[in-house]
Every structure is written in structure tokens, then in C-alpha cells.
């Protein structure tokens, strides 16, 4: 009898371990979230690392617009990653039901990101929620979540790493909705 109980407990432990290691285990960091979902059905990932030449080019483009804060913010970007999800099958639709938004909200809270209160620009159809990770008075990472334009069951996560002032983040927040709205298409 003791062997059966012991065997039953071992089987339960193994099954619990398999469940914990499976695809429904929540990501604990933004980077882990990208790794977890990259390449899965319905997901599209864009990963852009800003080398010196690219940052200089972005700075020149931004200066044409005349806003020095956005120019400096764009040149301070080290990486810009976007992952979008639009259900393409019944299996992919299950992810929407499991709560991608809840998963990201939880990991941002656990990693001590600070939510930003932002009013969307009038000319934007992309509503995003923002959080930042700061070190002292500098913002090291800006994360935005929202939906892909014209796709109600969609999901979008934007991760921008750099070294920004608060004003530069404010400028990026104004600039992002129009930019990421195009990426989800």
C-alpha cells in the first residue's frame, strides 16, 4: 500500500513538473516573454539593435522634424523590439483566451516597472499602455502594450532599451503610437 501511495505521489510530482515547464508557464521577464513566444503561430517579432550608424541616421531624420528632444531620444535607443500576436488558428486563439495581457502585466509588476499615465495623441488609433524601468533619474527601458490596429483579439508588446531622460520618454510616448501602428500590419 505504501508503495502505491509513493508511486502515485511520484507520478503527481512528475506531472506537476511537466506542467510547470510547459508552454503555459508565465514569463518572468520581458526578454523571456519574447523568447517564449517568438516563432509561435500568430506571433511576429521585430528585433532591431541600434548601432552607431543607425542612431546617427535616426538623429538626422529626427532633426529634420525640428524637435531636439525626440532627436536625442531616438539616438539614445539601444534596442527596439516588437512582438505582435494576431490569432491565425484555433490553437493560437487559445493564447488570447489564456491572457497575454495578464501575463505581461504580472511580469511588469514583479520586475518593478513603473506604469506611466499617458493620454493618447488625438491622431492615433493605437492605444498603448506604458511602463518604465528607471535607474536614478534615467529611464533604462520603456515597455508599451496594446492591440494591433484593426485586430480586436490581437496583442502587441514593444520593448525599447536605452538611456533616456523623462522628457525624452515623453517624446517617445508621443512618437510610438503612429510608429508601432504600422509594425502590426
Protein backbone atom coordinates (compact mmCIF):
# COMPACT_ATOMS: atom_id res chain seq x y z
CA UNK A 1 0.00 0.00 0.00
CA UNK A 2 2.83 2.41 0.86
CA UNK A 3 4.50 1.69 -2.49
CA UNK A 4 1.30 2.59 -4.36
CA UNK A 5 0.93 5.85 -2.46
CA UNK A 6 4.60 6.65 -3.02
CA UNK A 7 4.29 5.81 -6.75
CA UNK A 8 1.18 7.96 -7.01
CA UNK A 9 2.95 10.90 -5.37
CA UNK A 10 5.96 10.50 -7.69
CA UNK A 11 3.69 10.48 -10.75
CA UNK A 12 1.88 13.60 -9.49
CA UNK A 13 5.19 15.35 -8.89
CA UNK A 14 6.41 14.47 -12.38
CA UNK A 15 3.18 15.65 -13.95
CA UNK A 16 3.36 18.87 -11.94
CA UNK A 17 6.93 19.39 -13.13
CA UNK A 18 5.93 18.85 -16.74
CA UNK A 19 3.11 21.35 -16.36
CA UNK A 20 5.41 23.93 -14.77
CA UNK A 21 7.91 23.57 -17.62
CA UNK A 22 5.30 23.66 -20.36
CA UNK A 23 4.31 26.49 -22.69
CA UNK A 24 1.73 27.88 -20.27
CA UNK A 25 4.37 28.80 -17.68
CA UNK A 26 4.25 32.59 -17.39
CA UNK A 27 7.32 34.54 -18.48
CA UNK A 28 9.15 36.28 -15.64
CA UNK A 29 10.91 38.98 -17.68
CA UNK A 30 10.28 40.91 -20.87
CA UNK A 31 13.19 39.14 -22.58
CA UNK A 32 11.79 35.77 -21.53
CA UNK A 33 8.38 36.75 -22.93
CA UNK A 34 9.97 37.44 -26.33
CA UNK A 35 11.86 34.12 -26.26
CA UNK A 36 8.76 32.21 -25.16
CA UNK A 37 6.51 33.41 -27.99
CA UNK A 38 8.95 34.07 -30.84
CA UNK A 39 8.11 31.86 -33.79
CA UNK A 40 4.84 30.55 -32.40
CA UNK A 41 1.75 30.62 -34.65
CA UNK A 42 0.20 34.08 -34.87
CA UNK A 43 3.28 35.89 -33.49
CA UNK A 44 5.52 38.23 -35.41
CA UNK A 45 8.72 39.55 -33.85
CA UNK A 46 10.76 42.52 -35.00
CA UNK A 47 14.10 42.96 -33.26
CA UNK A 48 16.18 46.00 -34.10
CA UNK A 49 19.51 46.77 -32.44
CA UNK A 50 20.71 50.31 -32.91
CA UNK A 51 24.32 50.52 -33.98
CA UNK A 52 26.13 53.83 -34.13
CA UNK A 53 25.39 54.42 -37.82
CA UNK A 54 21.69 53.71 -37.34
CA UNK A 55 21.48 56.02 -34.32
CA UNK A 56 23.21 58.80 -36.23
CA UNK A 57 20.80 58.34 -39.12
CA UNK A 58 17.82 58.42 -36.74
CA UNK A 59 19.18 61.58 -35.15
CA UNK A 60 19.47 63.25 -38.56
CA UNK A 61 15.94 62.19 -39.53
CA UNK A 62 14.53 63.44 -36.24
CA UNK A 63 16.36 66.77 -36.57
CA UNK A 64 14.58 67.34 -39.87
CA UNK A 65 11.40 67.45 -37.80
CA UNK A 66 12.98 70.13 -35.62
CA UNK A 67 12.28 68.60 -32.18
CA UNK A 68 15.52 68.26 -30.25
CA UNK A 69 14.05 66.01 -27.51
CA UNK A 70 12.80 63.40 -29.97
CA UNK A 71 16.13 63.57 -31.82
CA UNK A 72 18.02 62.88 -28.62
CA UNK A 73 15.56 60.15 -27.59
CA UNK A 74 15.94 58.36 -30.93
CA UNK A 75 19.72 58.48 -30.77
CA UNK A 76 19.62 57.12 -27.18
CA UNK A 77 17.82 53.91 -28.28
CA UNK A 78 19.99 50.79 -27.97
CA UNK A 79 17.36 48.25 -28.99
CA UNK A 80 13.76 48.29 -30.17
CA UNK A 81 11.78 45.04 -30.09
CA UNK A 82 8.16 44.45 -31.01
CA UNK A 83 6.16 41.27 -30.77
CA UNK A 84 2.64 41.19 -32.17
CA UNK A 85 0.02 38.48 -31.93
CA UNK A 86 -2.92 38.06 -34.23
CA UNK A 87 -4.78 34.74 -33.96
CA UNK A 88 -4.33 32.64 -37.08
CA UNK A 89 -5.74 29.32 -35.87
CA UNK A 90 -7.84 27.87 -33.10
CA UNK A 91 -4.63 26.90 -31.27
CA UNK A 92 -3.35 30.45 -31.49
CA UNK A 93 -6.74 31.79 -30.39
CA UNK A 94 -6.28 29.86 -27.14
CA UNK A 95 -3.39 32.19 -26.23
CA UNK A 96 -5.75 35.15 -26.36
CA UNK A 97 -8.08 33.29 -24.01
CA UNK A 98 -5.20 32.48 -21.63
CA UNK A 99 -4.42 36.16 -21.23
CA UNK A 100 -1.27 37.52 -22.80
CA UNK A 101 -2.09 40.91 -21.31
CA UNK A 102 -2.36 39.40 -17.81
CA UNK A 103 0.97 37.64 -18.26
CA UNK A 104 2.76 40.86 -19.23
CA UNK A 105 1.04 42.91 -16.52
CA UNK A 106 2.17 40.38 -13.93
CA UNK A 107 5.78 40.25 -15.12
CA UNK A 108 6.00 44.06 -15.24
CA UNK A 109 4.71 44.26 -11.66
CA UNK A 110 7.11 41.53 -10.49
CA UNK A 111 10.08 43.23 -12.17
CA UNK A 112 9.14 46.59 -10.59
CA UNK A 113 8.34 48.56 -13.73
CA UNK A 114 6.55 51.83 -13.05
CA UNK A 115 3.33 52.40 -15.02
CA UNK A 116 3.05 55.75 -16.81
CA UNK A 117 -0.17 57.70 -17.09
CA UNK A 118 -0.31 58.89 -20.69
CA UNK A 119 -3.02 60.46 -22.78
CA UNK A 120 -3.02 59.11 -26.33
CA UNK A 121 -2.43 61.66 -29.10
CA UNK A 122 -5.59 62.75 -30.91
CA UNK A 123 -4.27 61.50 -34.26
CA UNK A 124 -3.58 57.96 -33.03
CA UNK A 125 -5.81 54.92 -33.36
CA UNK A 126 -3.30 52.82 -31.40
CA UNK A 127 -3.92 52.96 -27.63
CA UNK A 128 -0.87 51.83 -25.70
CA UNK A 129 -0.16 51.39 -22.00
CA UNK A 130 3.35 52.28 -20.89
CA UNK A 131 5.71 51.22 -18.10
CA UNK A 132 9.31 52.18 -17.45
CA UNK A 133 12.29 50.81 -15.60
CA UNK A 134 14.48 53.52 -14.12
CA UNK A 135 17.86 53.77 -12.54
CA UNK A 136 18.12 57.04 -10.67
CA UNK A 137 16.75 59.83 -12.85
CA UNK A 138 17.39 57.95 -16.12
CA UNK A 139 14.95 55.58 -17.84
CA UNK A 140 16.68 52.38 -18.98
CA UNK A 141 13.67 50.69 -20.57
CA UNK A 142 10.27 51.70 -21.91
CA UNK A 143 7.65 48.98 -22.41
CA UNK A 144 4.34 49.51 -24.20
CA UNK A 145 1.43 47.09 -24.57
CA UNK A 146 -1.68 47.35 -26.67
CA UNK A 147 -3.52 45.93 -29.67
CA UNK A 148 -2.64 45.69 -33.35
CA UNK A 149 -4.69 48.13 -35.46
CA UNK A 150 -7.92 46.63 -36.83
CA UNK A 151 -7.46 43.33 -34.95
CA UNK A 152 -9.61 43.21 -31.78
CA UNK A 153 -8.21 39.87 -30.48
CA UNK A 154 -4.62 40.93 -31.04
CA UNK A 155 -1.78 41.81 -28.70
CA UNK A 156 1.36 43.94 -29.03
CA UNK A 157 4.39 44.34 -26.77
CA UNK A 158 7.06 46.95 -27.50
CA UNK A 159 10.36 47.00 -25.59
CA UNK A 160 12.72 49.95 -26.04
CA UNK A 161 16.06 49.90 -24.22
CA UNK A 162 18.27 52.95 -23.96
CA UNK A 163 19.30 55.74 -21.64
CA UNK A 164 16.57 58.39 -21.60
CA UNK A 165 15.57 61.44 -19.63
CA UNK A 166 11.96 61.76 -18.52
CA UNK A 167 11.33 64.35 -21.24
CA UNK A 168 12.80 62.05 -23.90
CA UNK A 169 10.43 59.28 -22.73
CA UNK A 170 7.53 61.74 -23.01
CA UNK A 171 8.57 62.44 -26.62
CA UNK A 172 8.90 58.71 -27.41
CA UNK A 173 5.41 58.13 -26.00
CA UNK A 174 4.06 60.73 -28.44
CA UNK A 175 6.02 59.21 -31.33
CA UNK A 176 5.31 55.50 -30.67
CA UNK A 177 1.59 55.07 -31.44
CA UNK A 178 1.99 56.07 -35.09
CA UNK A 179 5.16 54.03 -35.47
CA UNK A 180 4.01 50.76 -33.88
CA UNK A 181 0.62 51.02 -35.54
CA UNK A 182 2.41 50.39 -38.82
CA UNK A 183 4.51 47.50 -37.43
CA UNK A 184 1.48 45.38 -36.58
CA UNK A 185 0.22 45.29 -40.16
